[in-house]
Amino acid sequence: MSTREITVENFETTITENPIVLVDFWAEWCGPCLAFAPVFEGASEAHPDVVFGKVDTEAQRELAAGFQITSIPTLMAFRENIIVFSQPGALNAAQLDTVLLGVKALDMDDVRAQIAAQGAANNGE
């Protein structure tokens, strides 16, 4: 599967309609972003069960601001509508594969329980 362009218009449906989505926040002028692009594209071919999306931070400033992107490339992984990974910096193919395998291996019931517990702690419960 090749990568798809993510925009404000299709972001929510992309995240909600796909179990795992990997998003690359990038810009055309960014050297590390351009170096990471073939790695990201290659991983999209190796993991057809994952949706790979790219957000051009110049064209999609609202999305970049909403996720507080201050350094690019930034990679985010969503699983079942939850951000489970977010890290700035380009990865090599082995590192990206490790991230993907980790995201796929998550126990999402446990993740949701941890989020609920953290929310309760933040609310003083």
PDB file of N, CA and C in Angstrom:
ATOM      1  N   MET A   1       0.853  -1.172   0.000  1.00  0.00           N
ATOM      2  CA  MET A   1       0.000   0.000   0.000  1.00  0.00           C
ATOM      3  C   MET A   1       0.897   1.232   0.000  1.00  0.00           C
ATOM      4  N   SER A   2       0.569   2.196  -0.808  1.00  0.00           N
ATOM      5  CA  SER A   2       1.361   3.417  -0.815  1.00  0.00           C
ATOM      6  C   SER A   2       0.824   4.381   0.232  1.00  0.00           C
ATOM      7  N   THR A   3       1.569   5.450   0.438  1.00  0.00           N
ATOM      8  CA  THR A   3       1.157   6.436   1.424  1.00  0.00           C
ATOM      9  C   THR A   3       0.035   7.297   0.854  1.00  0.00           C
ATOM     10  N   ARG A   4      -0.729   7.890   1.765  1.00  0.00           N
ATOM     11  CA  ARG A   4      -1.796   8.794   1.324  1.00  0.00           C
ATOM     12  C   ARG A   4      -1.611  10.158   1.972  1.00  0.00           C
ATOM     13  N   GLU A   5      -2.072  11.174   1.267  1.00  0.00           N
ATOM     14  CA  GLU A   5      -2.000  12.538   1.794  1.00  0.00           C
ATOM     15  C   GLU A   5      -3.100  12.716   2.835  1.00  0.00           C
ATOM     16  N   ILE A   6      -2.714  13.245   3.980  1.00  0.00           N
ATOM     17  CA  ILE A   6      -3.670  13.510   5.054  1.00  0.00           C
ATOM     18  C   ILE A   6      -3.885  15.017   5.125  1.00  0.00           C
ATOM     19  N   THR A   7      -5.153  15.404   5.137  1.00  0.00           N
ATOM     20  CA  THR A   7      -5.525  16.815   5.215  1.00  0.00           C
ATOM     21  C   THR A   7      -6.506  17.006   6.369  1.00  0.00           C
ATOM     22  N   VAL A   8      -6.818  18.249   6.657  1.00  0.00           N
ATOM     23  CA  VAL A   8      -7.822  18.542   7.681  1.00  0.00           C
ATOM     24  C   VAL A   8      -9.134  17.841   7.326  1.00  0.00           C
ATOM     25  N   GLU A   9      -9.446  17.816   6.032  1.00  0.00           N
ATOM     26  CA  GLU A   9     -10.715  17.254   5.574  1.00  0.00           C
ATOM     27  C   GLU A   9     -10.808  15.738   5.759  1.00  0.00           C
ATOM     28  N   ASN A  10      -9.709  15.010   5.615  1.00  0.00           N
ATOM     29  CA  ASN A  10      -9.798  13.543   5.684  1.00  0.00           C
ATOM     30  C   ASN A  10      -9.123  12.939   6.921  1.00  0.00           C
ATOM     31  N   PHE A  11      -8.561  13.780   7.789  1.00  0.00           N
ATOM     32  CA  PHE A  11      -7.823  13.265   8.940  1.00  0.00           C
ATOM     33  C   PHE A  11      -8.711  12.403   9.839  1.00  0.00           C
ATOM     34  N   GLU A  12      -9.821  12.945  10.290  1.00  0.00           N
ATOM     35  CA  GLU A  12     -10.661  12.230  11.252  1.00  0.00           C
ATOM     36  C   GLU A  12     -11.160  10.900  10.697  1.00  0.00           C
ATOM     37  N   THR A  13     -11.628  10.891   9.460  1.00  0.00           N
ATOM     38  CA  THR A  13     -12.126   9.626   8.898  1.00  0.00           C
ATOM     39  C   THR A  13     -10.996   8.626   8.708  1.00  0.00           C
ATOM     40  N   THR A  14      -9.818   9.107   8.351  1.00  0.00           N
ATOM     41  CA  THR A  14      -8.677   8.198   8.199  1.00  0.00           C
ATOM     42  C   THR A  14      -8.365   7.523   9.527  1.00  0.00           C
ATOM     43  N   ILE A  15      -8.350   8.292  10.604  1.00  0.00           N
ATOM     44  CA  ILE A  15      -8.011   7.748  11.920  1.00  0.00           C
ATOM     45  C   ILE A  15      -9.118   6.834  12.447  1.00  0.00           C
ATOM     46  N   THR A  16     -10.373   7.232  12.278  1.00  0.00           N
ATOM     47  CA  THR A  16     -11.474   6.462  12.863  1.00  0.00           C
ATOM     48  C   THR A  16     -11.839   5.213  12.057  1.00  0.00           C
ATOM     49  N   GLU A  17     -11.556   5.215  10.768  1.00  0.00           N
ATOM     50  CA  GLU A  17     -11.969   4.088   9.928  1.00  0.00           C
ATOM     51  C   GLU A  17     -10.882   3.038   9.719  1.00  0.00           C
ATOM     52  N   ASN A  18      -9.721   3.239  10.319  1.00  0.00           N
ATOM     53  CA  ASN A  18      -8.614   2.299  10.144  1.00  0.00           C
ATOM     54  C   ASN A  18      -8.033   1.950  11.506  1.00  0.00           C
ATOM     55  N   PRO A  19      -7.795   0.652  11.764  1.00  0.00           N
ATOM     56  CA  PRO A  19      -7.315   0.247  13.084  1.00  0.00           C
ATOM     57  C   PRO A  19      -5.942   0.813  13.442  1.00  0.00           C
ATOM     58  N   ILE A  20      -5.032   0.871  12.469  1.00  0.00           N
ATOM     59  CA  ILE A  20      -3.679   1.401  12.727  1.00  0.00           C
ATOM     60  C   ILE A  20      -3.334   2.394  11.621  1.00  0.00           C
ATOM     61  N   VAL A  21      -2.954   3.595  12.043  1.00  0.00           N
ATOM     62  CA  VAL A  21      -2.554   4.637  11.097  1.00  0.00           C
ATOM     63  C   VAL A  21      -1.235   5.225  11.568  1.00  0.00           C
ATOM     64  N   LEU A  22      -0.269   5.264  10.675  1.00  0.00           N
ATOM     65  CA  LEU A  22       1.031   5.880  10.939  1.00  0.00           C
ATOM     66  C   LEU A  22       1.079   7.179  10.152  1.00  0.00           C
ATOM     67  N   VAL A  23       1.360   8.289  10.834  1.00  0.00           N
ATOM     68  CA  VAL A  23       1.339   9.606  10.198  1.00  0.00           C
ATOM     69  C   VAL A  23       2.722  10.239  10.277  1.00  0.00           C
ATOM     70  N   ASP A  24       3.192  10.690   9.118  1.00  0.00           N
ATOM     71  CA  ASP A  24       4.471  11.387   8.996  1.00  0.00           C
ATOM     72  C   ASP A  24       4.175  12.868   8.769  1.00  0.00           C
ATOM     73  N   PHE A  25       4.520  13.711   9.741  1.00  0.00           N
ATOM     74  CA  PHE A  25       4.414  15.157   9.584  1.00  0.00           C
ATOM     75  C   PHE A  25       5.727  15.619   8.967  1.00  0.00           C
ATOM     76  N   TRP A  26       5.662  16.278   7.804  1.00  0.00           N
ATOM     77  CA  TRP A  26       6.854  16.592   7.042  1.00  0.00           C
ATOM     78  C   TRP A  26       6.670  17.929   6.312  1.00  0.00           C
ATOM     79  N   ALA A  27       7.726  18.388   5.640  1.00  0.00           N
ATOM     80  CA  ALA A  27       7.670  19.547   4.754  1.00  0.00           C
ATOM     81  C   ALA A  27       8.669  19.335   3.619  1.00  0.00           C
ATOM     82  N   GLU A  28       8.344  19.910   2.486  1.00  0.00           N
ATOM     83  CA  GLU A  28       9.169  19.735   1.286  1.00  0.00           C
ATOM     84  C   GLU A  28      10.583  20.289   1.456  1.00  0.00           C
ATOM     85  N   TRP A  29      10.748  21.340   2.250  1.00  0.00           N
ATOM     86  CA  TRP A  29      12.041  21.982   2.430  1.00  0.00           C
ATOM     87  C   TRP A  29      12.931  21.277   3.454  1.00  0.00           C
ATOM     88  N   CYS A  30      12.399  20.257   4.135  1.00  0.00           N
ATOM     89  CA  CYS A  30      13.086  19.597   5.247  1.00  0.00           C
ATOM     90  C   CYS A  30      13.939  18.429   4.742  1.00  0.00           C
ATOM     91  N   GLY A  31      15.265  18.585   4.855  1.00  0.00           N
ATOM     92  CA  GLY A  31      16.176  17.526   4.401  1.00  0.00           C
ATOM     93  C   GLY A  31      15.949  16.182   5.079  1.00  0.00           C
ATOM     94  N   PRO A  32      15.883  16.135   6.415  1.00  0.00           N
ATOM     95  CA  PRO A  32      15.627  14.856   7.071  1.00  0.00           C
ATOM     96  C   PRO A  32      14.282  14.235   6.665  1.00  0.00           C
ATOM     97  N   CYS A  33      13.291  15.091   6.391  1.00  0.00           N
ATOM     98  CA  CYS A  33      11.980  14.588   5.946  1.00  0.00           C
ATOM     99  C   CYS A  33      12.123  13.879   4.601  1.00  0.00           C
ATOM    100  N   LEU A  34      12.875  14.494   3.698  1.00  0.00           N
ATOM    101  CA  LEU A  34      13.063  13.912   2.365  1.00  0.00           C
ATOM    102  C   LEU A  34      13.876  12.624   2.451  1.00  0.00           C
ATOM    103  N   ALA A  35      14.823  12.569   3.382  1.00  0.00           N
ATOM    104  CA  ALA A  35      15.609  11.349   3.568  1.00  0.00           C
ATOM    105  C   ALA A  35      14.757  10.225   4.157  1.00  0.00           C
ATOM    106  N   PHE A  36      13.798  10.580   5.018  1.00  0.00           N
ATOM    107  CA  PHE A  36      12.933   9.593   5.657  1.00  0.00           C
ATOM    108  C   PHE A  36      11.841   9.079   4.714  1.00  0.00           C
ATOM    109  N   ALA A  37      11.475   9.855   3.715  1.00  0.00           N
ATOM    110  CA  ALA A  37      10.360   9.505   2.821  1.00  0.00           C
ATOM    111  C   ALA A  37      10.484   8.109   2.198  1.00  0.00           C
ATOM    112  N   PRO A  38      11.635   7.713   1.639  1.00  0.00           N
ATOM    113  CA  PRO A  38      11.712   6.369   1.059  1.00  0.00           C
ATOM    114  C   PRO A  38      11.587   5.256   2.107  1.00  0.00           C
ATOM    115  N   VAL A  39      12.060   5.515   3.330  1.00  0.00           N
ATOM    116  CA  VAL A  39      11.930   4.535   4.420  1.00  0.00           C
ATOM    117  C   VAL A  39      10.446   4.349   4.748  1.00  0.00           C
ATOM    118  N   PHE A  40       9.732   5.462   4.857  1.00  0.00           N
ATOM    119  CA  PHE A  40       8.295   5.448   5.161  1.00  0.00           C
ATOM    120  C   PHE A  40       7.526   4.731   4.052  1.00  0.00           C
ATOM    121  N   GLU A  41       7.854   5.051   2.811  1.00  0.00           N
ATOM    122  CA  GLU A  41       7.195   4.426   1.657  1.00  0.00           C
ATOM    123  C   GLU A  41       7.476   2.929   1.627  1.00  0.00           C
ATOM    124  N   GLY A  42       8.716   2.541   1.896  1.00  0.00           N
ATOM    125  CA  GLY A  42       9.072   1.121   1.918  1.00  0.00           C
ATOM    126  C   GLY A  42       8.312   0.363   2.987  1.00  0.00           C
ATOM    127  N   ALA A  43       8.166   0.977   4.157  1.00  0.00           N
ATOM    128  CA  ALA A  43       7.411   0.335   5.239  1.00  0.00           C
ATOM    129  C   ALA A  43       5.947   0.183   4.865  1.00  0.00           C
ATOM    130  N   SER A  44       5.420   1.130   4.091  1.00  0.00           N
ATOM    131  CA  SER A  44       4.013   1.030   3.681  1.00  0.00           C
ATOM    132  C   SER A  44       3.792  -0.187   2.785  1.00  0.00           C
ATOM    133  N   GLU A  45       4.804  -0.533   2.022  1.00  0.00           N
ATOM    134  CA  GLU A  45       4.710  -1.730   1.165  1.00  0.00           C
ATOM    135  C   GLU A  45       4.827  -3.000   2.000  1.00  0.00           C
ATOM    136  N   ALA A  46       5.645  -2.965   3.040  1.00  0.00           N
ATOM    137  CA  ALA A  46       5.890  -4.151   3.879  1.00  0.00           C
ATOM    138  C   ALA A  46       4.770  -4.399   4.899  1.00  0.00           C
ATOM    139  N   HIS A  47       3.960  -3.380   5.170  1.00  0.00           N
ATOM    140  CA  HIS A  47       2.892  -3.494   6.181  1.00  0.00           C
ATOM    141  C   HIS A  47       1.556  -3.063   5.574  1.00  0.00           C
ATOM    142  N   PRO A  48       0.978  -3.879   4.699  1.00  0.00           N
ATOM    143  CA  PRO A  48      -0.269  -3.489   4.036  1.00  0.00           C
ATOM    144  C   PRO A  48      -1.469  -3.378   4.975  1.00  0.00           C
ATOM    145  N   ASP A  49      -1.331  -3.879   6.202  1.00  0.00           N
ATOM    146  CA  ASP A  49      -2.410  -3.800   7.188  1.00  0.00           C
ATOM    147  C   ASP A  49      -2.426  -2.469   7.933  1.00  0.00           C
ATOM    148  N   VAL A  50      -1.475  -1.601   7.645  1.00  0.00           N
ATOM    149  CA  VAL A  50      -1.362  -0.298   8.300  1.00  0.00           C
ATOM    150  C   VAL A  50      -1.581   0.788   7.245  1.00  0.00           C
ATOM    151  N   VAL A  51      -2.319   1.831   7.621  1.00  0.00           N
ATOM    152  CA  VAL A  51      -2.474   2.986   6.734  1.00  0.00           C
ATOM    153  C   VAL A  51      -1.330   3.954   7.017  1.00  0.00           C
ATOM    154  N   PHE A  52      -0.619   4.344   5.981  1.00  0.00           N
ATOM    155  CA  PHE A  52       0.497   5.274   6.078  1.00  0.00           C
ATOM    156  C   PHE A  52       0.064   6.598   5.468  1.00  0.00           C
ATOM    157  N   GLY A  53       0.063   7.648   6.287  1.00  0.00           N
ATOM    158  CA  GLY A  53      -0.353   8.958   5.812  1.00  0.00           C
ATOM    159  C   GLY A  53       0.722   9.999   6.024  1.00  0.00           C
ATOM    160  N   LYS A  54       0.717  10.996   5.152  1.00  0.00           N
ATOM    161  CA  LYS A  54       1.693  12.076   5.245  1.00  0.00           C
ATOM    162  C   LYS A  54       0.940  13.399   5.373  1.00  0.00           C
ATOM    163  N   VAL A  55       1.362  14.208   6.354  1.00  0.00           N
ATOM    164  CA  VAL A  55       0.793  15.538   6.549  1.00  0.00           C
ATOM    165  C   VAL A  55       1.863  16.561   6.189  1.00  0.00           C
ATOM    166  N   ASP A  56       1.617  17.317   5.124  1.00  0.00           N
ATOM    167  CA  ASP A  56       2.509  18.409   4.736  1.00  0.00           C
ATOM    168  C   ASP A  56       2.243  19.563   5.698  1.00  0.00           C
ATOM    169  N   THR A  57       3.187  19.824   6.585  1.00  0.00           N
ATOM    170  CA  THR A  57       2.973  20.826   7.636  1.00  0.00           C
ATOM    171  C   THR A  57       2.839  22.250   7.076  1.00  0.00           C
ATOM    172  N   GLU A  58       3.340  22.483   5.882  1.00  0.00           N
ATOM    173  CA  GLU A  58       3.187  23.798   5.258  1.00  0.00           C
ATOM    174  C   GLU A  58       1.763  23.979   4.736  1.00  0.00           C
ATOM    175  N   ALA A  59       1.220  22.949   4.112  1.00  0.00           N
ATOM    176  CA  ALA A  59      -0.127  23.025   3.543  1.00  0.00           C
ATOM    177  C   ALA A  59      -1.209  22.780   4.592  1.00  0.00           C
ATOM    178  N   GLN A  60      -0.867  22.056   5.637  1.00  0.00           N
ATOM    179  CA  GLN A  60      -1.846  21.679   6.666  1.00  0.00           C
ATOM    180  C   GLN A  60      -1.436  22.257   8.018  1.00  0.00           C
ATOM    181  N   ARG A  61      -1.270  23.558   8.060  1.00  0.00           N
ATOM    182  CA  ARG A  61      -0.806  24.229   9.283  1.00  0.00           C
ATOM    183  C   ARG A  61      -1.747  23.982  10.462  1.00  0.00           C
ATOM    184  N   GLU A  62      -3.049  23.895  10.206  1.00  0.00           N
ATOM    185  CA  GLU A  62      -4.015  23.670  11.283  1.00  0.00           C
ATOM    186  C   GLU A  62      -3.792  22.314  11.954  1.00  0.00           C
ATOM    187  N   LEU A  63      -3.539  21.278  11.151  1.00  0.00           N
ATOM    188  CA  LEU A  63      -3.260  19.953  11.714  1.00  0.00           C
ATOM    189  C   LEU A  63      -1.951  19.965  12.498  1.00  0.00           C
ATOM    190  N   ALA A  64      -0.924  20.561  11.912  1.00  0.00           N
ATOM    191  CA  ALA A  64       0.376  20.612  12.582  1.00  0.00           C
ATOM    192  C   ALA A  64       0.262  21.359  13.910  1.00  0.00           C
ATOM    193  N   ALA A  65      -0.461  22.461  13.923  1.00  0.00           N
ATOM    194  CA  ALA A  65      -0.638  23.228  15.154  1.00  0.00           C
ATOM    195  C   ALA A  65      -1.461  22.442  16.169  1.00  0.00           C
ATOM    196  N   GLY A  66      -2.483  21.762  15.695  1.00  0.00           N
ATOM    197  CA  GLY A  66      -3.342  20.992  16.587  1.00  0.00           C
ATOM    198  C   GLY A  66      -2.597  19.885  17.316  1.00  0.00           C
ATOM    199  N   PHE A  67      -1.588  19.326  16.669  1.00  0.00           N
ATOM    200  CA  PHE A  67      -0.777  18.266  17.291  1.00  0.00           C
ATOM    201  C   PHE A  67       0.524  18.818  17.866  1.00  0.00           C
ATOM    202  N   GLN A  68       0.645  20.141  17.915  1.00  0.00           N
ATOM    203  CA  GLN A  68       1.804  20.818  18.482  1.00  0.00           C
ATOM    204  C   GLN A  68       3.124  20.316  17.884  1.00  0.00           C
ATOM    205  N   ILE A  69       3.143  20.207  16.563  1.00  0.00           N
ATOM    206  CA  ILE A  69       4.346  19.771  15.858  1.00  0.00           C
ATOM    207  C   ILE A  69       5.332  20.931  15.835  1.00  0.00           C
ATOM    208  N   THR A  70       6.477  20.749  16.484  1.00  0.00           N
ATOM    209  CA  THR A  70       7.500  21.787  16.528  1.00  0.00           C
ATOM    210  C   THR A  70       8.794  21.339  15.856  1.00  0.00           C
ATOM    211  N   SER A  71       8.890  20.077  15.503  1.00  0.00           N
ATOM    212  CA  SER A  71      10.080  19.532  14.866  1.00  0.00           C
ATOM    213  C   SER A  71       9.620  18.511  13.835  1.00  0.00           C
ATOM    214  N   ILE A  72      10.232  18.561  12.657  1.00  0.00           N
ATOM    215  CA  ILE A  72       9.878  17.582  11.624  1.00  0.00           C
ATOM    216  C   ILE A  72      11.133  16.908  11.111  1.00  0.00           C
ATOM    217  N   PRO A  73      11.014  15.671  10.654  1.00  0.00           N
ATOM    218  CA  PRO A  73       9.771  14.908  10.632  1.00  0.00           C
ATOM    219  C   PRO A  73       9.349  14.494  12.048  1.00  0.00           C
ATOM    220  N   THR A  74       8.061  14.396  12.244  1.00  0.00           N
ATOM    221  CA  THR A  74       7.502  13.805  13.457  1.00  0.00           C
ATOM    222  C   THR A  74       6.622  12.650  13.018  1.00  0.00           C
ATOM    223  N   LEU A  75       6.796  11.527  13.671  1.00  0.00           N
ATOM    224  CA  LEU A  75       6.034  10.327  13.363  1.00  0.00           C
ATOM    225  C   LEU A  75       5.034  10.075  14.489  1.00  0.00           C
ATOM    226  N   MET A  76       3.775   9.828  14.128  1.00  0.00           N
ATOM    227  CA  MET A  76       2.735   9.484  15.101  1.00  0.00           C
ATOM    228  C   MET A  76       2.054   8.210  14.665  1.00  0.00           C
ATOM    229  N   ALA A  77       1.770   7.367  15.649  1.00  0.00           N
ATOM    230  CA  ALA A  77       1.020   6.145  15.380  1.00  0.00           C
ATOM    231  C   ALA A  77      -0.287   6.208  16.159  1.00  0.00           C
ATOM    232  N   PHE A  78      -1.367   5.914  15.456  1.00  0.00           N
ATOM    233  CA  PHE A  78      -2.693   5.830  16.056  1.00  0.00           C
ATOM    234  C   PHE A  78      -3.155   4.389  15.976  1.00  0.00           C
ATOM    235  N   ARG A  79      -3.671   3.899  17.074  1.00  0.00           N
ATOM    236  CA  ARG A  79      -4.270   2.571  17.067  1.00  0.00           C
ATOM    237  C   ARG A  79      -5.628   2.691  17.740  1.00  0.00           C
ATOM    238  N   GLU A  80      -6.647   2.297  17.018  1.00  0.00           N
ATOM    239  CA  GLU A  80      -8.022   2.372  17.516  1.00  0.00           C
ATOM    240  C   GLU A  80      -8.321   3.769  18.051  1.00  0.00           C
ATOM    241  N   ASN A  81      -7.959   4.785  17.267  1.00  0.00           N
ATOM    242  CA  ASN A  81      -8.239   6.198  17.548  1.00  0.00           C
ATOM    243  C   ASN A  81      -7.421   6.780  18.696  1.00  0.00           C
ATOM    244  N   ILE A  82      -6.398   6.108  19.162  1.00  0.00           N
ATOM    245  CA  ILE A  82      -5.582   6.569  20.277  1.00  0.00           C
ATOM    246  C   ILE A  82      -4.143   6.759  19.793  1.00  0.00           C
ATOM    247  N   ILE A  83      -3.546   7.903  20.137  1.00  0.00           N
ATOM    248  CA  ILE A  83      -2.124   8.103  19.820  1.00  0.00           C
ATOM    249  C   ILE A  83      -1.321   7.198  20.749  1.00  0.00           C
ATOM    250  N   VAL A  84      -0.601   6.258  20.159  1.00  0.00           N
ATOM    251  CA  VAL A  84       0.184   5.317  20.960  1.00  0.00           C
ATOM    252  C   VAL A  84       1.691   5.518  20.777  1.00  0.00           C
ATOM    253  N   PHE A  85       2.068   6.412  19.859  1.00  0.00           N
ATOM    254  CA  PHE A  85       3.484   6.700  19.626  1.00  0.00           C
ATOM    255  C   PHE A  85       3.578   8.075  18.992  1.00  0.00           C
ATOM    256  N   SER A  86       4.524   8.871  19.446  1.00  0.00           N
ATOM    257  CA  SER A  86       4.792  10.169  18.835  1.00  0.00           C
ATOM    258  C   SER A  86       6.240  10.528  19.122  1.00  0.00           C
ATOM    259  N   GLN A  87       6.987  10.762  18.027  1.00  0.00           N
ATOM    260  CA  GLN A  87       8.411  11.062  18.207  1.00  0.00           C
ATOM    261  C   GLN A  87       8.926  11.865  17.022  1.00  0.00           C
ATOM    262  N   PRO A  88       9.636  12.966  17.297  1.00  0.00           N
ATOM    263  CA  PRO A  88      10.278  13.684  16.203  1.00  0.00           C
ATOM    264  C   PRO A  88      11.570  12.978  15.785  1.00  0.00           C
ATOM    265  N   GLY A  89      11.964  13.205  14.540  1.00  0.00           N
ATOM    266  CA  GLY A  89      13.217  12.657  14.036  1.00  0.00           C
ATOM    267  C   GLY A  89      12.989  11.530  13.049  1.00  0.00           C
ATOM    268  N   ALA A  90      13.885  11.449  12.087  1.00  0.00           N
ATOM    269  CA  ALA A  90      13.817  10.397  11.080  1.00  0.00           C
ATOM    270  C   ALA A  90      14.306   9.082  11.667  1.00  0.00           C
ATOM    271  N   LEU A  91      13.663   8.011  11.272  1.00  0.00           N
ATOM    272  CA  LEU A  91      14.061   6.671  11.697  1.00  0.00           C
ATOM    273  C   LEU A  91      14.629   5.919  10.504  1.00  0.00           C
ATOM    274  N   ASN A  92      15.485   4.938  10.784  1.00  0.00           N
ATOM    275  CA  ASN A  92      15.910   4.061   9.694  1.00  0.00           C
ATOM    276  C   ASN A  92      14.874   2.940   9.567  1.00  0.00           C
ATOM    277  N   ALA A  93      15.031   2.096   8.584  1.00  0.00           N
ATOM    278  CA  ALA A  93      14.031   1.055   8.309  1.00  0.00           C
ATOM    279  C   ALA A  93      13.855   0.107   9.490  1.00  0.00           C
ATOM    280  N   ALA A  94      14.939  -0.293  10.131  1.00  0.00           N
ATOM    281  CA  ALA A  94      14.844  -1.220  11.262  1.00  0.00           C
ATOM    282  C   ALA A  94      14.122  -0.575  12.442  1.00  0.00           C
ATOM    283  N   GLN A  95      14.422   0.687  12.704  1.00  0.00           N
ATOM    284  CA  GLN A  95      13.750   1.393  13.795  1.00  0.00           C
ATOM    285  C   GLN A  95      12.252   1.539  13.532  1.00  0.00           C
ATOM    286  N   LEU A  96      11.913   1.890  12.294  1.00  0.00           N
ATOM    287  CA  LEU A  96      10.502   2.036  11.938  1.00  0.00           C
ATOM    288  C   LEU A  96       9.778   0.703  12.058  1.00  0.00           C
ATOM    289  N   ASP A  97      10.420  -0.360  11.634  1.00  0.00           N
ATOM    290  CA  ASP A  97       9.820  -1.691  11.750  1.00  0.00           C
ATOM    291  C   ASP A  97       9.586  -2.052  13.220  1.00  0.00           C
ATOM    292  N   THR A  98      10.532  -1.703  14.082  1.00  0.00           N
ATOM    293  CA  THR A  98      10.380  -1.954  15.522  1.00  0.00           C
ATOM    294  C   THR A  98       9.169  -1.194  16.073  1.00  0.00           C
ATOM    295  N   VAL A  99       9.016   0.065  15.669  1.00  0.00           N
ATOM    296  CA  VAL A  99       7.858   0.855  16.100  1.00  0.00           C
ATOM    297  C   VAL A  99       6.567   0.187  15.641  1.00  0.00           C
ATOM    298  N   LEU A 100       6.525  -0.207  14.386  1.00  0.00           N
ATOM    299  CA  LEU A 100       5.308  -0.824  13.846  1.00  0.00           C
ATOM    300  C   LEU A 100       4.967  -2.130  14.555  1.00  0.00           C
ATOM    301  N   LEU A 101       5.948  -2.953  14.785  1.00  0.00           N
ATOM    302  CA  LEU A 101       5.699  -4.216  15.488  1.00  0.00           C
ATOM    303  C   LEU A 101       5.221  -3.953  16.913  1.00  0.00           C
ATOM    304  N   GLY A 102       5.790  -2.948  17.561  1.00  0.00           N
ATOM    305  CA  GLY A 102       5.358  -2.582  18.907  1.00  0.00           C
ATOM    306  C   GLY A 102       3.922  -2.092  18.935  1.00  0.00           C
ATOM    307  N   VAL A 103       3.552  -1.267  17.960  1.00  0.00           N
ATOM    308  CA  VAL A 103       2.178  -0.760  17.880  1.00  0.00           C
ATOM    309  C   VAL A 103       1.201  -1.914  17.649  1.00  0.00           C
ATOM    310  N   LYS A 104       1.572  -2.820  16.770  1.00  0.00           N
ATOM    311  CA  LYS A 104       0.701  -3.968  16.477  1.00  0.00           C
ATOM    312  C   LYS A 104       0.546  -4.885  17.687  1.00  0.00           C
ATOM    313  N   ALA A 105       1.568  -4.959  18.524  1.00  0.00           N
ATOM    314  CA  ALA A 105       1.559  -5.884  19.666  1.00  0.00           C
ATOM    315  C   ALA A 105       0.865  -5.318  20.907  1.00  0.00           C
ATOM    316  N   LEU A 106       0.500  -4.048  20.881  1.00  0.00           N
ATOM    317  CA  LEU A 106      -0.114  -3.445  22.065  1.00  0.00           C
ATOM    318  C   LEU A 106      -1.409  -4.149  22.462  1.00  0.00           C
ATOM    319  N   ASP A 107      -1.597  -4.278  23.761  1.00  0.00           N
ATOM    320  CA  ASP A 107      -2.864  -4.761  24.319  1.00  0.00           C
ATOM    321  C   ASP A 107      -3.722  -3.509  24.507  1.00  0.00           C
ATOM    322  N   MET A 108      -4.650  -3.281  23.588  1.00  0.00           N
ATOM    323  CA  MET A 108      -5.415  -2.038  23.601  1.00  0.00           C
ATOM    324  C   MET A 108      -6.368  -1.944  24.789  1.00  0.00           C
ATOM    325  N   ASP A 109      -6.806  -3.066  25.339  1.00  0.00           N
ATOM    326  CA  ASP A 109      -7.614  -3.007  26.557  1.00  0.00           C
ATOM    327  C   ASP A 109      -6.782  -2.428  27.698  1.00  0.00           C
ATOM    328  N   ASP A 110      -5.520  -2.840  27.767  1.00  0.00           N
ATOM    329  CA  ASP A 110      -4.615  -2.317  28.778  1.00  0.00           C
ATOM    330  C   ASP A 110      -4.342  -0.830  28.538  1.00  0.00           C
ATOM    331  N   VAL A 111      -4.139  -0.437  27.289  1.00  0.00           N
ATOM    332  CA  VAL A 111      -3.894   0.970  26.958  1.00  0.00           C
ATOM    333  C   VAL A 111      -5.084   1.823  27.388  1.00  0.00           C
ATOM    334  N   ARG A 112      -6.294   1.382  27.059  1.00  0.00           N
ATOM    335  CA  ARG A 112      -7.492   2.137  27.441  1.00  0.00           C
ATOM    336  C   ARG A 112      -7.625   2.216  28.963  1.00  0.00           C
ATOM    337  N   ALA A 113      -7.295   1.133  29.671  1.00  0.00           N
ATOM    338  CA  ALA A 113      -7.360   1.132  31.136  1.00  0.00           C
ATOM    339  C   ALA A 113      -6.349   2.121  31.715  1.00  0.00           C
ATOM    340  N   GLN A 114      -5.159   2.191  31.136  1.00  0.00           N
ATOM    341  CA  GLN A 114      -4.145   3.137  31.603  1.00  0.00           C
ATOM    342  C   GLN A 114      -4.593   4.581  31.370  1.00  0.00           C
ATOM    343  N   ILE A 115      -5.213   4.832  30.222  1.00  0.00           N
ATOM    344  CA  ILE A 115      -5.711   6.176  29.918  1.00  0.00           C
ATOM    345  C   ILE A 115      -6.813   6.555  30.897  1.00  0.00           C
ATOM    346  N   ALA A 116      -7.711   5.629  31.185  1.00  0.00           N
ATOM    347  CA  ALA A 116      -8.800   5.894  32.132  1.00  0.00           C
ATOM    348  C   ALA A 116      -8.238   6.171  33.524  1.00  0.00           C
ATOM    349  N   ALA A 117      -7.243   5.394  33.944  1.00  0.00           N
ATOM    350  CA  ALA A 117      -6.645   5.583  35.259  1.00  0.00           C
ATOM    351  C   ALA A 117      -5.937   6.934  35.339  1.00  0.00           C
ATOM    352  N   GLN A 118      -5.255   7.304  34.281  1.00  0.00           N
ATOM    353  CA  GLN A 118      -4.556   8.587  34.256  1.00  0.00           C
ATOM    354  C   GLN A 118      -5.563   9.734  34.290  1.00  0.00           C
ATOM    355  N   GLY A 119      -6.665   9.592  33.566  1.00  0.00           N
ATOM    356  CA  GLY A 119      -7.710  10.606  33.575  1.00  0.00           C
ATOM    357  C   GLY A 119      -8.312  10.760  34.950  1.00  0.00           C
ATOM    358  N   ALA A 120      -8.537   9.641  35.627  1.00  0.00           N
ATOM    359  CA  ALA A 120      -9.092   9.689  36.976  1.00  0.00           C
ATOM    360  C   ALA A 120      -8.110  10.353  37.934  1.00  0.00           C
ATOM    361  N   ALA A 121      -6.829  10.047  37.802  1.00  0.00           N
ATOM    362  CA  ALA A 121      -5.808  10.648  38.669  1.00  0.00           C
ATOM    363  C   ALA A 121      -5.715  12.159  38.431  1.00  0.00           C
ATOM    364  N   ASN A 122      -5.835  12.567  37.178  1.00  0.00           N
ATOM    365  CA  ASN A 122      -5.766  13.992  36.848  1.00  0.00           C
ATOM    366  C   ASN A 122      -6.982  14.750  37.350  1.00  0.00           C
ATOM    367  N   ASN A 123      -8.088  14.040  37.514  1.00  0.00           N
ATOM    368  CA  ASN A 123      -9.315  14.668  37.998  1.00  0.00           C
ATOM    369  C   ASN A 123      -9.455  14.550  39.521  1.00  0.00           C
ATOM    370  N   GLY A 124      -8.437  14.031  40.176  1.00  0.00           N
ATOM    371  CA  GLY A 124      -8.426  13.930  41.626  1.00  0.00           C
ATOM    372  C   GLY A 124      -9.339  12.840  42.173  1.00  0.00           C
ATOM    373  N   GLU A 125      -9.627  11.868  41.358  1.00  0.00           N
ATOM    374  CA  GLU A 125     -10.503  10.765  41.808  1.00  0.00           C
ATOM    375  C   GLU A 125      -9.728   9.676  42.486  1.00  0.00           C
TER     376      GLU A 125
END
